């Protein structure tokens, strides 16, 4: 496929293209890095990182500046830390690109992304970073397509305010009070909306994984899940952590917290299914972060919803974490990703 076609492919045609490629030479798609089984590759592994704000690690400073400033990609995001961890084990990743960008939906893998509505600032489709010799493709996507920030706004009057307009999306139904969000999301129109969103996530993840296979036929795709936000014991969320002036999940009603956790677990399961169907690999963070949720005090790996992050926007103003991994959470992400990559490359 020409580079021009590659940059403008925006419709779900990859299934047909992939089938044609397999018919011409399926062995190419099955090829892996040279080397004996059970030994890490001696040569650097060409790698691309992709994803949304959880890969970019929004909230951690300093962040990359330039044409992609509004992606808020931390210079020390989990791809960078995981790459360093692997180097300590004599596994070298040749990072061809890290195109992770805050606010990315799954379809921004094959469509350009507008960074801030109305500004005209855009970044190319993330798939443009893939090369024929790419051997490893790693990242997280799904939460924004599901509309998780819309769900959070459905459950929070504070997030609905103009003060938090930077957080993308509007409540699912602004006419429904935030205090009733658990009931809304569990029945009627709210439940139907949620079911439709999960169906979209499943289809789009299938498309993403097929595009990786098509544009980088030798690559091993690795989809990274999301860390757990709400603990099993939601009473933990009723006490601010040391240094916090707000509750970890702000004004979200306590009866909505198990609902948010169920939604996140369902997203995790949807991602696992897409990976299993595609024969790819998955990094399960949800299962391994139950003691590092936003409500786990000094052990929290998730910054509180309205807790100040490290991104300063004024003399005495910082952007909130908006429930993104802090440095502890980033290190957990990096550890799990590095472990999975080592396992894959040692097969």
Foldseek 3Di string as FASTA:
>chain_A
DDLVCQQPPQDLPLVVVLVVVCVVPVVLLVAADDDDFQDFDQDAAEEEEEEACQQLVAQDDDHDDDLQVLQNRHPPFLVNVLQVVVVVVVHHHPYQYYHYGHPDALSLLRQWDDSDPPPPRIDTRVVSSFAQRHAEYEYEHQCVLLPVLLLLQLQDPVCQDPVNPVSDDHHPDPVRHNQCSQVQCVDDPNVVSNVVSLVVSLVSLLSSLSSCCNRHSNYAYEYEADAQAAAPPNVLQVDPAVPDPARLSHRGDSVCRVVSRVSSVSSVVSNVVSCVVSVHHYQDNHVVCNCQHSSNHPSHQWFRLAGFGPAADDPPDGGGSNGHGHPNVSVSSSVSVSVVVVVVSND
